[in-house]
Amino acid sequence: MEGFAASHPFGVMEEEVYEKVQRMLQVMPPPHLKQGDEGRQRGIKRQSQISSLIDKSNVFGRGSDKEELITLMLVSNESASSSSKDICVIPIVGIGGLGKTTLSQLIYNDKRVEDHFQIRGWVCVSEDFDICRITKAIFESMTKKRCCLNEIDPLQVSLKEVLSCKRFLLVLDDVWNDCDWQRLQAPFSFGAKGSRITTTNLGFPYRL
């Protein structure tokens, strides 16, 4: 397996944490849903975005997976070898229909997660990547306010001010491989230590 720090565009994730997530995903069965998670096969564009809201009464069989990932979310990284600007990224990777988004929704809406992070945001990235659209969506999700900016510099400066010195959680749902992460991630390093980014990715882009 390739070293995660070298292959992931956002930041550094402790190798032990990365391996725990991947071991769990290798044995993770699809969730039992009354209304299924809208996965898609590679090459087929998803028709609709999915929000952070979820009806928990429609989801079964995710308890242990959820608890393991929440533990990774809440664990302190004060003793980590990464520098203070590194961002811990937790990727949830797998084929379409595995329940990656459902699992992310359960974690995002858990009361312990809500209390732990000062601000949270949920953004659907999708195949049609536009850095201004994504940055604006992150800003609006974090602040719950409308943003009228359209240029990348004022957008990223505004997002930096929102994240600065705050422990944040950002879920990036439906991430594809050909995205300009190097430019997108610029404001994230201003967040407080302990911030987390969770991504849901189709396929196995990190050669698991």
N, C-alpha and C. Protein backbone atom coordinates (compact mmCIF):
# COMPACT_ATOMS: atom_id res chain seq x y z
N MET A 1 0.85 -1.20 0.00
CA MET A 1 0.00 0.00 0.00
C MET A 1 0.88 1.24 0.00
N GLU A 2 0.57 2.22 -0.82
CA GLU A 2 1.34 3.45 -0.86
C GLU A 2 1.13 4.22 0.44
N GLY A 3 2.15 5.00 0.82
CA GLY A 3 2.01 5.85 1.99
C GLY A 3 0.93 6.89 1.74
N PHE A 4 0.04 7.03 2.68
CA PHE A 4 -1.10 7.93 2.48
C PHE A 4 -0.67 9.37 2.40
N ALA A 5 0.29 9.76 3.23
CA ALA A 5 0.72 11.15 3.24
C ALA A 5 1.21 11.59 1.87
N ALA A 6 1.82 10.67 1.13
CA ALA A 6 2.36 11.03 -0.18
C ALA A 6 1.28 11.05 -1.25
N SER A 7 0.19 10.31 -1.04
CA SER A 7 -0.78 10.16 -2.12
C SER A 7 -2.03 11.00 -1.93
N HIS A 8 -2.31 11.43 -0.70
CA HIS A 8 -3.55 12.17 -0.49
C HIS A 8 -3.33 13.66 -0.65
N PRO A 9 -4.17 14.36 -1.40
CA PRO A 9 -3.93 15.76 -1.71
C PRO A 9 -4.21 16.73 -0.58
N PHE A 10 -5.04 16.40 0.39
CA PHE A 10 -5.43 17.37 1.41
C PHE A 10 -4.39 17.56 2.48
N GLY A 11 -3.84 16.50 3.02
CA GLY A 11 -2.92 16.62 4.12
C GLY A 11 -2.46 15.26 4.57
N VAL A 12 -2.06 15.17 5.82
CA VAL A 12 -1.50 13.93 6.34
C VAL A 12 -2.50 13.24 7.23
N MET A 13 -2.61 11.95 7.05
CA MET A 13 -3.42 11.14 7.94
C MET A 13 -2.51 10.08 8.54
N GLU A 14 -2.56 9.93 9.87
CA GLU A 14 -1.71 8.96 10.52
C GLU A 14 -1.93 7.58 9.88
N GLU A 15 -0.83 6.87 9.61
CA GLU A 15 -0.91 5.60 8.90
C GLU A 15 -1.80 4.60 9.64
N GLU A 16 -1.72 4.61 10.98
CA GLU A 16 -2.52 3.68 11.76
C GLU A 16 -4.02 3.94 11.56
N VAL A 17 -4.40 5.23 11.55
CA VAL A 17 -5.80 5.59 11.35
C VAL A 17 -6.26 5.19 9.97
N TYR A 18 -5.43 5.46 8.97
CA TYR A 18 -5.77 5.12 7.59
C TYR A 18 -6.01 3.62 7.44
N GLU A 19 -5.12 2.83 8.01
CA GLU A 19 -5.24 1.38 7.87
C GLU A 19 -6.47 0.86 8.59
N LYS A 20 -6.83 1.46 9.73
CA LYS A 20 -8.03 1.05 10.44
C LYS A 20 -9.27 1.26 9.57
N VAL A 21 -9.35 2.44 8.93
CA VAL A 21 -10.51 2.73 8.08
C VAL A 21 -10.60 1.73 6.94
N GLN A 22 -9.49 1.44 6.31
CA GLN A 22 -9.52 0.57 5.15
C GLN A 22 -9.82 -0.88 5.52
N ARG A 23 -9.32 -1.34 6.66
CA ARG A 23 -9.65 -2.69 7.11
C ARG A 23 -11.15 -2.82 7.36
N MET A 24 -11.73 -1.78 7.94
CA MET A 24 -13.16 -1.81 8.21
C MET A 24 -13.96 -1.81 6.91
N LEU A 25 -13.53 -0.99 5.94
CA LEU A 25 -14.27 -0.89 4.69
C LEU A 25 -14.20 -2.18 3.88
N GLN A 26 -13.14 -2.95 4.03
CA GLN A 26 -13.01 -4.18 3.27
C GLN A 26 -14.06 -5.21 3.66
N VAL A 27 -14.56 -5.11 4.88
CA VAL A 27 -15.56 -6.08 5.35
C VAL A 27 -16.91 -5.44 5.58
N MET A 28 -17.06 -4.18 5.18
CA MET A 28 -18.28 -3.44 5.45
C MET A 28 -19.38 -3.84 4.47
N PRO A 29 -20.48 -4.43 4.93
CA PRO A 29 -21.57 -4.80 4.04
C PRO A 29 -22.42 -3.58 3.71
N PRO A 30 -23.17 -3.63 2.60
CA PRO A 30 -24.08 -2.53 2.31
C PRO A 30 -25.12 -2.40 3.41
N PRO A 31 -25.60 -1.17 3.68
CA PRO A 31 -26.60 -0.99 4.72
C PRO A 31 -27.94 -1.53 4.27
N HIS A 32 -28.78 -1.89 5.22
CA HIS A 32 -30.15 -2.29 4.92
C HIS A 32 -31.01 -1.05 4.93
N LEU A 33 -31.47 -0.64 3.75
CA LEU A 33 -32.22 0.60 3.61
C LEU A 33 -33.61 0.33 3.07
N LYS A 34 -34.57 1.07 3.60
CA LYS A 34 -35.89 1.03 2.99
C LYS A 34 -35.90 1.84 1.70
N GLN A 35 -35.08 2.90 1.69
CA GLN A 35 -34.89 3.68 0.47
C GLN A 35 -33.39 3.75 0.25
N GLY A 36 -32.90 3.13 -0.80
CA GLY A 36 -31.48 2.86 -0.96
C GLY A 36 -30.62 4.09 -1.17
N ASP A 37 -29.37 3.93 -0.77
CA ASP A 37 -28.35 4.94 -1.03
C ASP A 37 -28.13 5.02 -2.53
N GLU A 38 -28.09 6.25 -3.08
CA GLU A 38 -28.01 6.41 -4.53
C GLU A 38 -26.56 6.33 -4.99
N GLY A 39 -26.04 5.11 -5.09
CA GLY A 39 -24.70 4.93 -5.64
C GLY A 39 -24.78 4.94 -7.15
N ARG A 40 -23.62 5.01 -7.78
CA ARG A 40 -23.59 4.93 -9.22
C ARG A 40 -22.33 4.20 -9.66
N GLN A 41 -22.37 3.64 -10.83
CA GLN A 41 -21.20 2.98 -11.36
C GLN A 41 -20.29 4.01 -12.00
N ARG A 42 -19.01 3.64 -12.14
CA ARG A 42 -18.05 4.57 -12.73
C ARG A 42 -18.48 4.95 -14.15
N GLY A 43 -18.38 6.26 -14.43
CA GLY A 43 -18.73 6.74 -15.75
C GLY A 43 -20.17 7.18 -15.88
N ILE A 44 -21.01 6.94 -14.85
CA ILE A 44 -22.40 7.37 -14.89
C ILE A 44 -22.58 8.52 -13.92
N LYS A 45 -22.93 9.67 -14.40
CA LYS A 45 -23.02 10.86 -13.56
C LYS A 45 -24.25 10.79 -12.67
N ARG A 46 -24.04 11.09 -11.39
CA ARG A 46 -25.16 11.10 -10.47
C ARG A 46 -26.09 12.26 -10.81
N GLN A 47 -27.38 12.02 -10.79
CA GLN A 47 -28.35 13.01 -11.23
C GLN A 47 -28.72 14.01 -10.13
N SER A 48 -28.60 13.63 -8.89
CA SER A 48 -29.00 14.53 -7.81
C SER A 48 -28.00 14.49 -6.68
N GLN A 49 -27.86 15.62 -5.98
CA GLN A 49 -26.98 15.70 -4.84
C GLN A 49 -27.70 15.17 -3.59
N ILE A 50 -26.90 14.78 -2.62
CA ILE A 50 -27.45 14.26 -1.37
C ILE A 50 -27.02 15.17 -0.23
N SER A 51 -27.94 15.58 0.61
CA SER A 51 -27.64 16.47 1.72
C SER A 51 -27.18 15.67 2.94
N SER A 52 -26.88 16.38 4.02
CA SER A 52 -26.43 15.74 5.26
C SER A 52 -27.59 15.13 6.04
N LEU A 53 -28.83 15.46 5.69
CA LEU A 53 -29.99 14.99 6.45
C LEU A 53 -30.25 13.51 6.17
N ILE A 54 -30.68 12.79 7.21
CA ILE A 54 -30.96 11.36 7.07
C ILE A 54 -32.05 10.96 8.05
N ASP A 55 -32.91 10.07 7.61
CA ASP A 55 -33.92 9.48 8.48
C ASP A 55 -33.31 8.20 9.07
N LYS A 56 -32.86 8.30 10.31
CA LYS A 56 -32.13 7.18 10.92
C LYS A 56 -33.00 5.94 11.07
N SER A 57 -34.32 6.11 11.10
CA SER A 57 -35.20 4.95 11.25
C SER A 57 -35.19 4.06 10.02
N ASN A 58 -34.65 4.59 8.90
CA ASN A 58 -34.59 3.81 7.66
C ASN A 58 -33.27 3.09 7.46
N VAL A 59 -32.37 3.19 8.45
CA VAL A 59 -31.03 2.61 8.30
C VAL A 59 -30.81 1.55 9.38
N PHE A 60 -30.32 0.40 8.94
CA PHE A 60 -30.04 -0.70 9.86
C PHE A 60 -28.66 -1.27 9.59
N GLY A 61 -28.00 -1.78 10.64
CA GLY A 61 -26.75 -2.50 10.46
C GLY A 61 -25.52 -1.65 10.28
N ARG A 62 -25.53 -0.42 10.78
CA ARG A 62 -24.37 0.44 10.64
C ARG A 62 -23.76 0.82 12.00
N GLY A 63 -24.26 0.26 13.09
CA GLY A 63 -23.84 0.69 14.42
C GLY A 63 -22.36 0.57 14.68
N SER A 64 -21.77 -0.60 14.41
CA SER A 64 -20.35 -0.81 14.73
C SER A 64 -19.45 0.02 13.82
N ASP A 65 -19.79 0.12 12.53
CA ASP A 65 -19.00 0.93 11.61
C ASP A 65 -19.02 2.39 12.03
N LYS A 66 -20.19 2.86 12.39
CA LYS A 66 -20.34 4.25 12.82
C LYS A 66 -19.49 4.53 14.06
N GLU A 67 -19.53 3.65 15.03
CA GLU A 67 -18.79 3.87 16.27
C GLU A 67 -17.29 3.90 16.03
N GLU A 68 -16.80 3.01 15.17
CA GLU A 68 -15.37 2.99 14.88
C GLU A 68 -14.92 4.30 14.24
N LEU A 69 -15.70 4.79 13.29
CA LEU A 69 -15.31 6.02 12.61
C LEU A 69 -15.46 7.24 13.51
N ILE A 70 -16.46 7.25 14.37
CA ILE A 70 -16.61 8.37 15.31
C ILE A 70 -15.41 8.42 16.25
N THR A 71 -14.94 7.25 16.67
CA THR A 71 -13.75 7.21 17.51
C THR A 71 -12.56 7.87 16.81
N LEU A 72 -12.40 7.58 15.52
CA LEU A 72 -11.32 8.21 14.75
C LEU A 72 -11.54 9.71 14.62
N MET A 73 -12.80 10.11 14.52
CA MET A 73 -13.12 11.54 14.40
C MET A 73 -12.74 12.31 15.66
N LEU A 74 -13.01 11.73 16.80
CA LEU A 74 -12.90 12.46 18.06
C LEU A 74 -11.55 12.31 18.74
N VAL A 75 -10.74 11.34 18.30
CA VAL A 75 -9.46 11.12 18.96
C VAL A 75 -8.57 12.34 18.76
N SER A 76 -7.84 12.69 19.80
CA SER A 76 -6.93 13.83 19.72
C SER A 76 -5.71 13.46 18.89
N ASN A 77 -5.22 14.41 18.11
CA ASN A 77 -3.99 14.16 17.35
C ASN A 77 -2.84 15.01 17.87
N GLU A 78 -2.91 15.37 19.15
CA GLU A 78 -1.85 16.19 19.73
C GLU A 78 -0.50 15.48 19.69
N SER A 79 -0.52 14.13 19.79
CA SER A 79 0.73 13.38 19.81
C SER A 79 1.16 12.93 18.43
N ALA A 80 0.38 13.31 17.40
CA ALA A 80 0.70 12.86 16.04
C ALA A 80 2.01 13.48 15.57
N SER A 81 2.65 12.79 14.63
CA SER A 81 3.93 13.27 14.13
C SER A 81 3.75 14.38 13.11
N SER A 82 2.51 14.59 12.66
CA SER A 82 2.28 15.60 11.63
C SER A 82 2.41 16.99 12.22
N SER A 83 2.68 17.96 11.35
CA SER A 83 2.82 19.33 11.79
C SER A 83 1.46 19.93 12.05
N SER A 84 1.45 21.12 12.66
CA SER A 84 0.19 21.73 13.07
C SER A 84 -0.69 22.10 11.89
N LYS A 85 -0.09 22.23 10.69
CA LYS A 85 -0.88 22.61 9.53
C LYS A 85 -1.45 21.40 8.79
N ASP A 86 -1.05 20.21 9.19
CA ASP A 86 -1.57 19.01 8.53
C ASP A 86 -3.03 18.79 8.91
N ILE A 87 -3.79 18.28 7.96
CA ILE A 87 -5.21 18.03 8.17
C ILE A 87 -5.43 16.54 8.14
N CYS A 88 -6.12 16.02 9.14
CA CYS A 88 -6.41 14.59 9.18
C CYS A 88 -7.61 14.31 8.29
N VAL A 89 -7.38 13.49 7.29
CA VAL A 89 -8.42 13.15 6.32
C VAL A 89 -8.84 11.71 6.51
N ILE A 90 -10.15 11.48 6.58
CA ILE A 90 -10.68 10.13 6.72
C ILE A 90 -11.46 9.80 5.45
N PRO A 91 -10.87 9.03 4.53
CA PRO A 91 -11.56 8.69 3.28
C PRO A 91 -12.42 7.46 3.44
N ILE A 92 -13.64 7.53 2.96
CA ILE A 92 -14.54 6.38 2.91
C ILE A 92 -14.66 6.01 1.45
N VAL A 93 -13.99 4.92 1.07
CA VAL A 93 -13.80 4.59 -0.33
C VAL A 93 -14.43 3.24 -0.65
N GLY A 94 -15.10 3.15 -1.79
CA GLY A 94 -15.66 1.87 -2.19
C GLY A 94 -16.53 2.00 -3.42
N ILE A 95 -17.04 0.88 -3.86
CA ILE A 95 -17.87 0.87 -5.06
C ILE A 95 -19.21 1.55 -4.79
N GLY A 96 -19.90 1.94 -5.85
CA GLY A 96 -21.20 2.56 -5.73
C GLY A 96 -22.20 1.64 -5.06
N GLY A 97 -23.04 2.19 -4.18
CA GLY A 97 -24.06 1.41 -3.51
C GLY A 97 -23.61 0.76 -2.22
N LEU A 98 -22.34 1.00 -1.82
CA LEU A 98 -21.83 0.39 -0.59
C LEU A 98 -22.40 1.04 0.66
N GLY A 99 -22.86 2.28 0.53
CA GLY A 99 -23.41 2.98 1.69
C GLY A 99 -22.47 4.00 2.28
N LYS A 100 -21.53 4.50 1.47
CA LYS A 100 -20.54 5.46 1.95
C LYS A 100 -21.20 6.75 2.42
N THR A 101 -22.12 7.28 1.62
CA THR A 101 -22.79 8.52 1.98
C THR A 101 -23.68 8.33 3.19
N THR A 102 -24.39 7.20 3.26
CA THR A 102 -25.24 6.92 4.41
C THR A 102 -24.43 6.90 5.70
N LEU A 103 -23.28 6.25 5.67
CA LEU A 103 -22.42 6.18 6.84
C LEU A 103 -21.93 7.57 7.23
N SER A 104 -21.58 8.38 6.24
CA SER A 104 -21.13 9.75 6.52
C SER A 104 -22.24 10.58 7.14
N GLN A 105 -23.47 10.39 6.67
CA GLN A 105 -24.60 11.11 7.24
C GLN A 105 -24.82 10.74 8.71
N LEU A 106 -24.72 9.45 9.02
CA LEU A 106 -24.90 9.01 10.40
C LEU A 106 -23.86 9.63 11.32
N ILE A 107 -22.63 9.69 10.86
CA ILE A 107 -21.55 10.26 11.67
C ILE A 107 -21.74 11.77 11.82
N TYR A 108 -22.04 12.44 10.73
CA TYR A 108 -22.17 13.89 10.71
C TYR A 108 -23.26 14.37 11.68
N ASN A 109 -24.32 13.59 11.80
CA ASN A 109 -25.46 13.99 12.62
C ASN A 109 -25.44 13.41 14.04
N ASP A 110 -24.36 12.73 14.40
CA ASP A 110 -24.25 12.20 15.75
C ASP A 110 -24.02 13.35 16.74
N LYS A 111 -24.68 13.29 17.89
CA LYS A 111 -24.61 14.39 18.85
C LYS A 111 -23.18 14.60 19.35
N ARG A 112 -22.43 13.52 19.52
CA ARG A 112 -21.05 13.66 19.98
C ARG A 112 -20.19 14.43 18.98
N VAL A 113 -20.44 14.18 17.70
CA VAL A 113 -19.71 14.88 16.66
C VAL A 113 -20.13 16.35 16.62
N GLU A 114 -21.42 16.61 16.72
CA GLU A 114 -21.91 17.98 16.75
C GLU A 114 -21.28 18.79 17.88
N ASP A 115 -21.16 18.16 19.05
CA ASP A 115 -20.61 18.86 20.22
C ASP A 115 -19.10 19.04 20.13
N HIS A 116 -18.43 18.13 19.46
CA HIS A 116 -16.96 18.15 19.42
C HIS A 116 -16.42 19.23 18.49
N PHE A 117 -17.06 19.39 17.35
CA PHE A 117 -16.55 20.35 16.36
C PHE A 117 -17.28 21.68 16.48
N GLN A 118 -16.51 22.76 16.38
CA GLN A 118 -17.08 24.09 16.52
C GLN A 118 -17.95 24.47 15.32
N ILE A 119 -17.54 24.06 14.16
CA ILE A 119 -18.32 24.29 12.94
C ILE A 119 -18.24 23.05 12.07
N ARG A 120 -19.31 22.82 11.31
CA ARG A 120 -19.36 21.66 10.43
C ARG A 120 -19.91 22.09 9.07
N GLY A 121 -19.49 21.36 8.04
CA GLY A 121 -20.00 21.64 6.70
C GLY A 121 -20.11 20.36 5.88
N TRP A 122 -21.10 20.33 5.01
CA TRP A 122 -21.34 19.18 4.13
C TRP A 122 -21.49 19.70 2.71
N VAL A 123 -20.68 19.17 1.79
CA VAL A 123 -20.73 19.62 0.40
C VAL A 123 -20.64 18.41 -0.52
N CYS A 124 -21.49 18.37 -1.52
CA CYS A 124 -21.42 17.35 -2.56
C CYS A 124 -20.53 17.87 -3.69
N VAL A 125 -19.44 17.18 -3.96
CA VAL A 125 -18.48 17.65 -4.96
C VAL A 125 -18.92 17.26 -6.36
N SER A 126 -19.14 15.99 -6.60
CA SER A 126 -19.61 15.42 -7.87
C SER A 126 -18.55 15.52 -8.96
N GLU A 127 -18.87 14.96 -10.11
CA GLU A 127 -17.92 14.90 -11.22
C GLU A 127 -17.61 16.26 -11.80
N ASP A 128 -18.59 17.16 -11.80
CA ASP A 128 -18.44 18.48 -12.39
C ASP A 128 -17.78 19.40 -11.37
N PHE A 129 -16.45 19.34 -11.29
CA PHE A 129 -15.71 20.08 -10.27
C PHE A 129 -15.48 21.51 -10.72
N ASP A 130 -15.92 22.45 -9.89
CA ASP A 130 -15.68 23.87 -10.11
C ASP A 130 -15.21 24.45 -8.78
N ILE A 131 -13.98 24.95 -8.72
CA ILE A 131 -13.40 25.35 -7.45
C ILE A 131 -14.16 26.50 -6.80
N CYS A 132 -14.67 27.43 -7.59
CA CYS A 132 -15.44 28.54 -7.01
C CYS A 132 -16.76 28.03 -6.44
N ARG A 133 -17.42 27.14 -7.17
CA ARG A 133 -18.70 26.60 -6.68
C ARG A 133 -18.49 25.81 -5.39
N ILE A 134 -17.45 24.98 -5.35
CA ILE A 134 -17.21 24.15 -4.18
C ILE A 134 -16.81 25.01 -2.98
N THR A 135 -15.93 25.99 -3.20
CA THR A 135 -15.51 26.87 -2.10
C THR A 135 -16.69 27.67 -1.56
N LYS A 136 -17.53 28.17 -2.46
CA LYS A 136 -18.72 28.90 -2.02
C LYS A 136 -19.66 27.98 -1.23
N ALA A 137 -19.82 26.75 -1.71
CA ALA A 137 -20.69 25.81 -1.02
C ALA A 137 -20.16 25.47 0.37
N ILE A 138 -18.85 25.34 0.50
CA ILE A 138 -18.26 25.08 1.82
C ILE A 138 -18.52 26.26 2.74
N PHE A 139 -18.29 27.47 2.25
CA PHE A 139 -18.53 28.67 3.05
C PHE A 139 -19.98 28.74 3.52
N GLU A 140 -20.91 28.51 2.60
CA GLU A 140 -22.33 28.61 2.95
C GLU A 140 -22.74 27.51 3.92
N SER A 141 -22.18 26.32 3.77
CA SER A 141 -22.53 25.23 4.66
C SER A 141 -21.97 25.48 6.06
N MET A 142 -20.78 26.02 6.14
CA MET A 142 -20.15 26.30 7.43
C MET A 142 -20.85 27.44 8.17
N THR A 143 -21.25 28.47 7.43
CA THR A 143 -21.80 29.67 8.06
C THR A 143 -23.32 29.70 8.08
N LYS A 144 -23.95 28.87 7.24
CA LYS A 144 -25.41 28.89 7.08
C LYS A 144 -25.88 30.26 6.57
N LYS A 145 -25.01 30.91 5.80
CA LYS A 145 -25.32 32.21 5.22
C LYS A 145 -25.06 32.19 3.72
N ARG A 146 -25.81 32.99 3.00
CA ARG A 146 -25.62 33.07 1.56
C ARG A 146 -24.35 33.84 1.24
N CYS A 147 -23.62 33.39 0.24
CA CYS A 147 -22.40 34.06 -0.21
C CYS A 147 -22.61 34.58 -1.62
N CYS A 148 -22.32 35.86 -1.81
CA CYS A 148 -22.50 36.49 -3.12
C CYS A 148 -21.19 36.65 -3.89
N LEU A 149 -20.10 36.16 -3.34
CA LEU A 149 -18.81 36.27 -4.00
C LEU A 149 -18.70 35.25 -5.12
N ASN A 150 -17.95 35.61 -6.17
CA ASN A 150 -17.82 34.70 -7.31
C ASN A 150 -16.38 34.48 -7.76
N GLU A 151 -15.44 35.22 -7.19
CA GLU A 151 -14.03 35.07 -7.56
C GLU A 151 -13.30 34.25 -6.50
N ILE A 152 -12.33 33.48 -6.92
CA ILE A 152 -11.69 32.53 -6.03
C ILE A 152 -10.94 33.19 -4.88
N ASP A 153 -10.26 34.32 -5.12
CA ASP A 153 -9.48 34.93 -4.04
C ASP A 153 -10.36 35.41 -2.89
N PRO A 154 -11.37 36.25 -3.12
CA PRO A 154 -12.21 36.66 -1.99
C PRO A 154 -12.97 35.50 -1.36
N LEU A 155 -13.30 34.48 -2.15
CA LEU A 155 -13.97 33.30 -1.61
C LEU A 155 -13.06 32.57 -0.62
N GLN A 156 -11.81 32.34 -1.03
CA GLN A 156 -10.91 31.61 -0.15
C GLN A 156 -10.50 32.43 1.06
N VAL A 157 -10.34 33.73 0.91
CA VAL A 157 -10.01 34.58 2.06
C VAL A 157 -11.17 34.57 3.06
N SER A 158 -12.40 34.64 2.55
CA SER A 158 -13.57 34.61 3.44
C SER A 158 -13.67 33.26 4.15
N LEU A 159 -13.41 32.17 3.43
CA LEU A 159 -13.47 30.86 4.05
C LEU A 159 -12.36 30.70 5.09
N LYS A 160 -11.18 31.24 4.80
CA LYS A 160 -10.09 31.19 5.77
C LYS A 160 -10.49 31.88 7.08
N GLU A 161 -11.16 33.01 6.98
CA GLU A 161 -11.60 33.73 8.18
C GLU A 161 -12.62 32.92 8.97
N VAL A 162 -13.47 32.18 8.27
CA VAL A 162 -14.47 31.36 8.94
C VAL A 162 -13.82 30.20 9.69
N LEU A 163 -12.81 29.58 9.07
CA LEU A 163 -12.18 28.39 9.65
C LEU A 163 -11.07 28.71 10.64
N SER A 164 -10.57 29.92 10.61
CA SER A 164 -9.39 30.27 11.39
C SER A 164 -9.55 29.95 12.87
N CYS A 165 -8.63 29.14 13.38
CA CYS A 165 -8.54 28.78 14.81
C CYS A 165 -9.77 28.03 15.31
N LYS A 166 -10.56 27.46 14.41
CA LYS A 166 -11.73 26.68 14.82
C LYS A 166 -11.52 25.21 14.45
N ARG A 167 -11.99 24.32 15.32
CA ARG A 167 -11.96 22.89 15.03
C ARG A 167 -13.18 22.57 14.17
N PHE A 168 -12.92 22.23 12.91
CA PHE A 168 -14.02 22.06 11.98
C PHE A 168 -14.09 20.63 11.46
N LEU A 169 -15.28 20.26 11.03
CA LEU A 169 -15.50 19.00 10.32
C LEU A 169 -16.08 19.34 8.96
N LEU A 170 -15.45 18.83 7.92
CA LEU A 170 -15.95 19.02 6.56
C LEU A 170 -16.13 17.67 5.90
N VAL A 171 -17.34 17.40 5.43
CA VAL A 171 -17.61 16.19 4.65
C VAL A 171 -17.71 16.58 3.19
N LEU A 172 -16.88 15.98 2.37
CA LEU A 172 -16.92 16.17 0.92
C LEU A 172 -17.44 14.87 0.32
N ASP A 173 -18.70 14.91 -0.07
CA ASP A 173 -19.36 13.72 -0.58
C ASP A 173 -19.18 13.61 -2.09
N ASP A 174 -19.06 12.38 -2.58
CA ASP A 174 -19.00 12.10 -4.01
C ASP A 174 -17.80 12.77 -4.68
N VAL A 175 -16.62 12.47 -4.14
CA VAL A 175 -15.38 13.05 -4.67
C VAL A 175 -14.85 12.19 -5.81
N TRP A 176 -14.47 12.85 -6.89
CA TRP A 176 -13.85 12.18 -8.02
C TRP A 176 -12.35 12.47 -8.01
N ASN A 177 -11.60 11.75 -8.82
CA ASN A 177 -10.15 11.83 -8.75
C ASN A 177 -9.56 13.06 -9.42
N ASP A 178 -10.19 13.53 -10.48
CA ASP A 178 -9.59 14.60 -11.27
C ASP A 178 -10.04 15.97 -10.77
N CYS A 179 -9.76 16.27 -9.50
CA CYS A 179 -10.15 17.54 -8.90
C CYS A 179 -8.90 18.33 -8.52
N ASP A 180 -9.00 19.64 -8.56
CA ASP A 180 -7.87 20.51 -8.26
C ASP A 180 -7.77 20.72 -6.76
N TRP A 181 -7.34 19.67 -6.06
CA TRP A 181 -7.32 19.73 -4.59
C TRP A 181 -6.29 20.71 -4.07
N GLN A 182 -5.19 20.87 -4.79
CA GLN A 182 -4.13 21.74 -4.30
C GLN A 182 -4.63 23.17 -4.10
N ARG A 183 -5.45 23.64 -4.99
CA ARG A 183 -6.01 24.99 -4.83
C ARG A 183 -7.16 25.01 -3.84
N LEU A 184 -7.98 23.98 -3.84
CA LEU A 184 -9.15 23.94 -2.96
C LEU A 184 -8.76 23.94 -1.49
N GLN A 185 -7.69 23.24 -1.14
CA GLN A 185 -7.37 23.02 0.27
C GLN A 185 -6.67 24.20 0.94
N ALA A 186 -6.36 25.25 0.21
CA ALA A 186 -5.58 26.36 0.78
C ALA A 186 -6.15 26.92 2.09
N PRO A 187 -7.47 27.15 2.24
CA PRO A 187 -7.96 27.73 3.49
C PRO A 187 -8.01 26.75 4.66
N PHE A 188 -7.94 25.45 4.38
CA PHE A 188 -8.18 24.46 5.44
C PHE A 188 -7.10 24.47 6.51
N SER A 189 -5.87 24.80 6.14
CA SER A 189 -4.76 24.75 7.09
C SER A 189 -4.89 25.78 8.20
N PHE A 190 -5.79 26.74 8.07
CA PHE A 190 -5.97 27.77 9.09
C PHE A 190 -6.90 27.31 10.22
N GLY A 191 -7.51 26.13 10.05
CA GLY A 191 -8.35 25.59 11.11
C GLY A 191 -7.52 25.11 12.28
N ALA A 192 -8.20 24.87 13.41
CA ALA A 192 -7.51 24.42 14.62
C ALA A 192 -7.10 22.96 14.49
N LYS A 193 -6.13 22.57 15.29
CA LYS A 193 -5.71 21.18 15.33
C LYS A 193 -6.88 20.33 15.82
N GLY A 194 -7.01 19.16 15.24
CA GLY A 194 -8.15 18.31 15.56
C GLY A 194 -9.26 18.40 14.53
N SER A 195 -9.10 19.30 13.55
CA SER A 195 -10.08 19.39 12.48
C SER A 195 -10.02 18.12 11.63
N ARG A 196 -11.14 17.80 11.00
CA ARG A 196 -11.23 16.58 10.21
C ARG A 196 -11.91 16.88 8.87
N ILE A 197 -11.46 16.19 7.84
CA ILE A 197 -12.13 16.17 6.55
C ILE A 197 -12.46 14.72 6.23
N THR A 198 -13.71 14.46 5.94
CA THR A 198 -14.12 13.13 5.51
C THR A 198 -14.53 13.20 4.05
N THR A 199 -14.04 12.28 3.26
CA THR A 199 -14.42 12.23 1.84
C THR A 199 -15.06 10.88 1.53
N THR A 200 -16.03 10.90 0.66
CA THR A 200 -16.55 9.65 0.11
C THR A 200 -16.10 9.59 -1.35
N ASN A 201 -15.45 8.48 -1.68
CA ASN A 201 -14.85 8.34 -3.00
C ASN A 201 -15.35 7.07 -3.66
N LEU A 202 -15.64 7.16 -4.93
CA LEU A 202 -16.04 5.99 -5.71
C LEU A 202 -14.80 5.25 -6.18
N GLY A 203 -14.80 3.92 -5.98
CA GLY A 203 -13.67 3.12 -6.44
C GLY A 203 -12.58 3.04 -5.40
N PHE A 204 -11.36 2.75 -5.86
CA PHE A 204 -10.24 2.57 -4.97
C PHE A 204 -9.04 3.37 -5.49
N PRO A 205 -9.09 4.71 -5.34
CA PRO A 205 -8.06 5.54 -5.96
C PRO A 205 -6.69 5.47 -5.29
N TYR A 206 -6.59 4.87 -4.11
CA TYR A 206 -5.31 4.85 -3.42
C TYR A 206 -4.66 3.47 -3.43
N ARG A 207 -5.06 2.64 -4.37
CA ARG A 207 -4.46 1.33 -4.55
C ARG A 207 -4.49 0.53 -3.27
N LEU A 208 -5.69 0.37 -2.68
CA LEU A 208 -5.83 -0.34 -1.42
C LEU A 208 -5.59 -1.82 -1.60
